[in-house]
N, C-alpha and C. Protein backbone atom coordinates (compact mmCIF):
# COMPACT_ATOMS: atom_id res chain seq x y z
N MET A 1 -21.12 -5.96 -17.05
CA MET A 1 -19.92 -5.30 -17.01
C MET A 1 -20.37 -3.62 -16.68
N PHE A 2 -20.08 -3.17 -16.45
CA PHE A 2 -20.04 -1.19 -16.35
C PHE A 2 -19.42 -0.31 -17.33
N GLU A 3 -19.80 -0.03 -18.24
CA GLU A 3 -19.35 0.44 -19.11
C GLU A 3 -18.88 1.82 -19.14
N PRO A 4 -18.11 2.91 -18.44
CA PRO A 4 -18.11 4.21 -18.09
C PRO A 4 -18.25 5.47 -19.05
N LYS A 5 -18.76 5.83 -19.68
CA LYS A 5 -18.92 7.20 -20.24
C LYS A 5 -18.15 8.53 -19.84
N GLU A 6 -17.37 8.71 -21.04
CA GLU A 6 -17.11 10.27 -21.03
C GLU A 6 -18.70 11.29 -21.54
N SER A 7 -18.91 12.37 -20.93
CA SER A 7 -19.56 13.36 -20.89
C SER A 7 -19.33 14.96 -20.62
N GLU A 8 -20.46 16.22 -20.75
CA GLU A 8 -19.62 17.33 -19.91
C GLU A 8 -20.87 17.48 -18.88
N GLN A 9 -21.41 16.31 -18.57
CA GLN A 9 -22.69 16.57 -17.59
C GLN A 9 -21.93 15.78 -16.45
N VAL A 10 -22.27 16.13 -15.30
CA VAL A 10 -22.76 14.91 -14.09
C VAL A 10 -23.52 13.78 -14.86
N GLN A 11 -23.03 12.64 -14.22
CA GLN A 11 -23.62 11.50 -14.72
C GLN A 11 -24.10 10.77 -13.33
N TYR A 12 -25.24 10.00 -13.44
CA TYR A 12 -25.81 9.41 -11.68
C TYR A 12 -25.21 8.03 -11.84
N ILE A 13 -24.76 7.46 -10.89
CA ILE A 13 -24.84 5.79 -11.03
C ILE A 13 -25.35 5.49 -10.00
N GLU A 14 -26.16 4.51 -10.19
CA GLU A 14 -26.61 3.77 -9.16
C GLU A 14 -25.85 3.05 -8.61
N PRO A 15 -26.11 2.21 -7.26
CA PRO A 15 -25.39 1.96 -6.24
C PRO A 15 -24.73 0.40 -6.98
N LEU A 16 -25.76 -0.18 -7.40
CA LEU A 16 -25.50 -1.79 -8.14
C LEU A 16 -24.50 -1.33 -8.76
N GLU A 17 -24.74 -0.49 -10.03
CA GLU A 17 -23.49 -0.45 -11.63
C GLU A 17 -22.59 -0.34 -10.57
N LEU A 18 -21.90 0.77 -9.26
CA LEU A 18 -21.16 0.94 -9.02
C LEU A 18 -20.56 0.13 -8.30
N LYS A 19 -21.42 -1.24 -7.75
CA LYS A 19 -20.85 -2.28 -6.78
C LYS A 19 -19.87 -3.02 -8.39
N GLN A 20 -20.56 -3.10 -9.27
CA GLN A 20 -20.16 -3.87 -10.26
C GLN A 20 -18.83 -2.91 -10.54
N TRP A 21 -18.85 -1.60 -11.36
CA TRP A 21 -17.63 -1.11 -11.65
C TRP A 21 -16.34 -1.60 -11.01
N LEU A 22 -16.79 -1.08 -10.08
CA LEU A 22 -15.42 -1.90 -8.88
C LEU A 22 -14.49 -3.10 -8.29
N SER A 23 -15.57 -3.66 -8.85
CA SER A 23 -14.83 -4.91 -9.80
C SER A 23 -14.28 -5.70 -10.49
N GLN A 24 -14.19 -3.90 -11.45
CA GLN A 24 -13.39 -4.56 -13.00
C GLN A 24 -12.52 -3.95 -12.33
N SER A 25 -11.44 -4.17 -13.56
CA SER A 25 -10.25 -3.88 -13.92
C SER A 25 -10.15 -2.13 -13.85
N ASP A 26 -10.86 -1.41 -14.26
CA ASP A 26 -10.87 -0.30 -14.28
C ASP A 26 -11.47 0.43 -13.41
N LYS A 27 -10.94 0.22 -12.41
CA LYS A 27 -11.95 1.35 -11.24
C LYS A 27 -12.12 2.49 -11.06
N PRO A 28 -12.98 3.21 -11.41
CA PRO A 28 -12.78 5.07 -11.00
C PRO A 28 -11.88 5.11 -9.50
N LEU A 29 -11.58 6.20 -9.35
CA LEU A 29 -11.77 7.15 -8.46
C LEU A 29 -12.44 7.44 -7.40
N LEU A 30 -12.91 7.16 -6.00
CA LEU A 30 -13.58 7.29 -5.06
C LEU A 30 -13.46 7.97 -4.21
N ILE A 31 -14.48 9.46 -4.62
CA ILE A 31 -14.18 10.30 -3.17
C ILE A 31 -15.65 10.81 -2.95
N ASP A 32 -15.24 10.47 -1.46
CA ASP A 32 -16.78 10.45 -0.11
C ASP A 32 -16.58 12.36 0.30
N VAL A 33 -17.32 13.27 0.20
CA VAL A 33 -17.31 14.61 0.52
C VAL A 33 -17.45 14.44 1.45
N ARG A 34 -18.07 13.73 2.89
CA ARG A 34 -19.22 13.70 3.88
C ARG A 34 -17.92 14.23 4.54
N ASP A 35 -18.27 14.48 6.45
CA ASP A 35 -17.32 14.89 7.24
C ASP A 35 -16.23 13.51 7.12
N ALA A 36 -15.38 13.47 8.10
CA ALA A 36 -14.21 12.30 8.56
C ALA A 36 -15.02 11.88 9.69
N ASN A 37 -15.23 12.13 10.56
CA ASN A 37 -16.58 11.41 11.71
C ASN A 37 -17.45 10.25 10.59
N HIS A 38 -18.53 10.89 9.26
CA HIS A 38 -19.08 9.48 8.89
C HIS A 38 -18.47 9.24 8.16
N HIS A 39 -17.35 9.74 7.20
CA HIS A 39 -16.46 8.75 6.63
C HIS A 39 -15.79 7.05 7.55
N LEU A 40 -15.46 8.15 8.49
CA LEU A 40 -14.98 7.08 9.36
C LEU A 40 -15.58 5.75 9.33
N GLU A 41 -17.14 6.10 10.25
CA GLU A 41 -18.05 5.40 10.82
C GLU A 41 -18.21 3.93 9.23
N PHE A 42 -18.79 4.99 7.94
CA PHE A 42 -18.99 3.43 6.97
C PHE A 42 -18.56 4.75 5.74
N ASN A 43 -17.98 3.30 5.23
CA ASN A 43 -17.35 3.94 3.52
C ASN A 43 -17.66 3.49 2.63
N LEU A 44 -16.89 3.05 1.27
CA LEU A 44 -16.96 2.76 0.57
C LEU A 44 -15.59 2.77 0.39
N GLY A 45 -14.71 3.16 0.85
CA GLY A 45 -13.44 3.29 -0.01
C GLY A 45 -13.08 4.79 -0.22
N GLY A 46 -11.81 4.91 -0.90
CA GLY A 46 -11.19 5.87 -1.75
C GLY A 46 -10.79 6.73 -0.56
N ASP A 47 -10.78 8.07 -1.12
CA ASP A 47 -10.64 9.46 -0.52
C ASP A 47 -11.36 10.59 -0.07
N ASN A 48 -11.26 10.72 1.12
CA ASN A 48 -11.86 11.28 1.95
C ASN A 48 -11.83 12.89 1.90
N ILE A 49 -12.76 13.45 1.13
CA ILE A 49 -12.27 14.81 1.21
C ILE A 49 -13.42 15.73 1.05
N SER A 50 -13.90 16.29 1.80
CA SER A 50 -14.82 17.25 2.73
C SER A 50 -15.56 18.43 1.30
N ILE A 51 -16.87 18.06 1.40
CA ILE A 51 -17.27 19.52 0.73
C ILE A 51 -16.54 20.55 0.75
N TYR A 52 -16.40 21.14 2.48
CA TYR A 52 -16.01 22.17 2.01
C TYR A 52 -14.71 22.52 1.80
N GLU A 53 -13.77 21.11 2.15
CA GLU A 53 -12.72 21.22 1.59
C GLU A 53 -12.31 21.44 -0.14
N PHE A 54 -13.78 20.58 -0.72
CA PHE A 54 -13.43 20.10 -2.36
C PHE A 54 -12.91 21.25 -3.19
N ALA A 55 -13.30 22.42 -3.51
CA ALA A 55 -12.75 23.25 -4.39
C ALA A 55 -10.81 23.40 -3.86
N SER A 56 -10.63 23.52 -3.18
CA SER A 56 -9.32 23.76 -3.38
C SER A 56 -8.71 23.19 -3.59
N GLN A 57 -9.04 21.09 -3.77
CA GLN A 57 -8.10 20.51 -3.51
C GLN A 57 -8.24 19.49 -5.18
N ILE A 58 -9.12 20.50 -6.23
CA ILE A 58 -9.41 19.59 -7.54
C ILE A 58 -7.95 19.53 -8.32
N ASN A 59 -7.38 21.04 -7.78
CA ASN A 59 -6.24 20.73 -8.94
C ASN A 59 -4.61 19.74 -8.07
N GLN A 60 -5.44 18.97 -7.60
CA GLN A 60 -4.49 18.12 -6.88
C GLN A 60 -5.38 16.48 -7.87
N LEU A 61 -6.24 16.80 -8.08
CA LEU A 61 -7.23 15.54 -9.27
C LEU A 61 -6.60 15.73 -10.32
N ASP A 62 -6.52 13.83 -10.95
CA ASP A 62 -6.83 14.13 -12.21
C ASP A 62 -7.25 14.69 -13.43
N PRO A 63 -7.74 14.98 -14.06
CA PRO A 63 -8.64 15.63 -14.91
C PRO A 63 -9.23 14.44 -15.43
N ASP A 64 -8.37 13.07 -16.39
CA ASP A 64 -8.40 12.72 -17.26
C ASP A 64 -8.75 10.61 -16.50
N GLN A 65 -8.85 11.44 -15.35
CA GLN A 65 -9.35 9.89 -14.23
C GLN A 65 -10.94 9.61 -13.98
N MET A 66 -11.32 8.58 -14.26
CA MET A 66 -12.80 8.40 -13.91
C MET A 66 -13.04 8.87 -12.06
N VAL A 67 -14.13 9.57 -11.90
CA VAL A 67 -14.37 9.80 -10.91
C VAL A 67 -15.66 9.58 -10.22
N VAL A 68 -16.22 9.06 -9.50
CA VAL A 68 -17.03 8.68 -8.54
C VAL A 68 -17.21 9.72 -7.55
N ILE A 69 -17.66 10.45 -7.18
CA ILE A 69 -18.29 11.07 -5.81
C ILE A 69 -19.14 10.49 -4.87
N TYR A 70 -19.37 10.42 -3.70
CA TYR A 70 -20.33 9.97 -2.71
C TYR A 70 -20.62 10.71 -1.79
N CYS A 71 -22.10 10.67 -0.91
CA CYS A 71 -21.97 11.27 0.01
C CYS A 71 -23.23 10.86 0.82
N GLN A 72 -23.81 11.21 1.97
CA GLN A 72 -24.63 10.70 2.44
C GLN A 72 -25.97 10.48 1.53
N VAL A 73 -26.61 11.23 0.77
CA VAL A 73 -27.65 11.00 -0.22
C VAL A 73 -27.35 11.91 -1.13
N GLY A 74 -26.64 12.19 -1.92
CA GLY A 74 -26.56 12.22 -3.19
C GLY A 74 -26.85 13.80 -3.36
N GLN A 75 -26.98 15.27 -2.73
CA GLN A 75 -27.28 15.79 -3.25
C GLN A 75 -25.17 16.93 -3.01
N LYS A 76 -24.58 16.71 -1.50
CA LYS A 76 -23.21 17.16 -1.98
C LYS A 76 -22.52 16.56 -3.37
N SER A 77 -22.99 15.68 -3.62
CA SER A 77 -21.91 15.09 -4.65
C SER A 77 -21.90 15.42 -5.79
N PHE A 78 -23.06 15.41 -5.77
CA PHE A 78 -23.94 16.23 -7.38
C PHE A 78 -22.94 17.50 -6.74
N ASN A 79 -22.95 18.10 -6.53
CA ASN A 79 -22.41 19.52 -6.14
C ASN A 79 -20.76 19.93 -6.35
N ALA A 80 -20.27 18.13 -5.53
CA ALA A 80 -18.91 18.46 -6.10
C ALA A 80 -18.24 18.24 -7.38
N ALA A 81 -19.19 17.05 -7.58
CA ALA A 81 -19.12 16.24 -9.12
C ALA A 81 -19.10 17.96 -10.67
N SER A 82 -20.39 18.19 -10.41
CA SER A 82 -20.33 19.70 -10.84
C SER A 82 -19.31 20.70 -10.54
N LEU A 83 -18.66 20.60 -9.71
CA LEU A 83 -16.62 21.49 -9.99
C LEU A 83 -16.00 20.74 -10.90
N LEU A 84 -16.06 19.82 -10.98
CA LEU A 84 -15.34 18.58 -11.39
C LEU A 84 -15.43 18.70 -13.29
N ILE A 85 -16.75 18.75 -13.69
CA ILE A 85 -17.39 19.09 -14.64
C ILE A 85 -16.61 20.32 -15.41
N GLN A 86 -16.99 21.49 -14.92
CA GLN A 86 -16.51 23.05 -14.78
C GLN A 86 -14.85 22.83 -14.64
N SER A 87 -14.57 22.03 -14.41
CA SER A 87 -12.97 22.41 -14.26
C SER A 87 -12.09 20.85 -15.18
N ASP A 88 -13.11 21.05 -16.32
CA ASP A 88 -12.87 20.17 -17.81
C ASP A 88 -12.76 18.81 -17.52
N PHE A 89 -13.17 17.93 -16.51
CA PHE A 89 -12.56 16.56 -15.97
C PHE A 89 -14.25 16.15 -17.43
N SER A 90 -13.92 14.64 -17.32
CA SER A 90 -14.50 14.06 -18.34
C SER A 90 -15.65 12.70 -18.05
N SER A 91 -14.57 12.23 -17.35
CA SER A 91 -15.82 11.08 -17.01
C SER A 91 -15.87 11.26 -15.04
N VAL A 92 -17.36 12.39 -15.31
CA VAL A 92 -17.59 12.56 -12.92
C VAL A 92 -18.98 11.56 -13.30
N TYR A 93 -18.57 10.77 -12.28
CA TYR A 93 -20.48 10.41 -11.45
C TYR A 93 -20.86 10.87 -10.19
N SER A 94 -22.15 10.65 -9.84
CA SER A 94 -22.51 11.04 -7.96
C SER A 94 -22.80 9.50 -8.16
N LEU A 95 -23.30 9.35 -7.45
CA LEU A 95 -23.89 8.10 -6.56
C LEU A 95 -24.98 8.38 -6.20
N LYS A 96 -26.07 7.76 -6.93
CA LYS A 96 -27.38 8.39 -6.75
C LYS A 96 -27.50 7.59 -5.84
N GLY A 97 -28.38 8.93 -4.78
CA GLY A 97 -28.62 8.24 -3.14
C GLY A 97 -27.70 7.97 -2.21
N GLY A 98 -26.73 8.21 -2.39
CA GLY A 98 -25.53 8.36 -1.19
C GLY A 98 -25.38 6.91 -1.03
N ILE A 99 -24.83 6.85 0.51
CA ILE A 99 -24.39 5.91 1.27
C ILE A 99 -25.88 5.64 1.47
N GLU A 100 -27.09 6.64 1.86
CA GLU A 100 -27.92 5.13 2.29
C GLU A 100 -28.65 5.02 1.17
N ALA A 101 -28.54 5.05 -0.07
CA ALA A 101 -28.63 3.98 -0.90
C ALA A 101 -27.93 2.45 -1.60
N TRP A 102 -26.84 2.91 -1.04
CA TRP A 102 -26.10 1.95 -0.94
C TRP A 102 -26.44 1.00 0.12
N ARG A 103 -26.46 1.37 1.08
CA ARG A 103 -26.54 0.33 2.48
C ARG A 103 -28.04 -0.21 2.48
N LYS A 104 -28.94 0.08 1.60
CA LYS A 104 -30.38 -0.07 1.57
C LYS A 104 -30.62 -1.15 0.07
N THR A 105 -29.73 -0.97 -1.46
CA THR A 105 -29.59 -1.69 -2.11
C THR A 105 -28.56 -2.67 -2.56
N VAL A 106 -26.98 -2.89 -1.64
CA VAL A 106 -26.23 -3.80 -1.79
C VAL A 106 -25.75 -4.53 -0.62
N THR A 107 -25.68 -5.32 -0.96
CA THR A 107 -25.20 -6.31 0.23
C THR A 107 -23.28 -6.17 0.76
N THR A 108 -22.45 -5.69 1.08
CA THR A 108 -21.15 -5.84 1.50
C THR A 108 -20.46 -7.57 1.98
């Protein structure tokens, strides 16, 4: 069982940890910060908010909700997650290695 934690820093989550968390009742909000074409091609579910629109959309998100952000390889998701931490979100994760790591380690 994955136990989410609160932190004042961005936390990384491994693909297999995320798969486990998504099977639990306390699922996080998933946000894909890739562009719409990449999201349509393959995604883990959740909302699609492009990294270029992300900062302007933060106020529409609940800072008390647990959030996992993902992208292709993990850099953009870390940047987006950092913006959430700066906006006083308390449980923010970035998928380590992004969709590429998910595809290599998780069979769906």
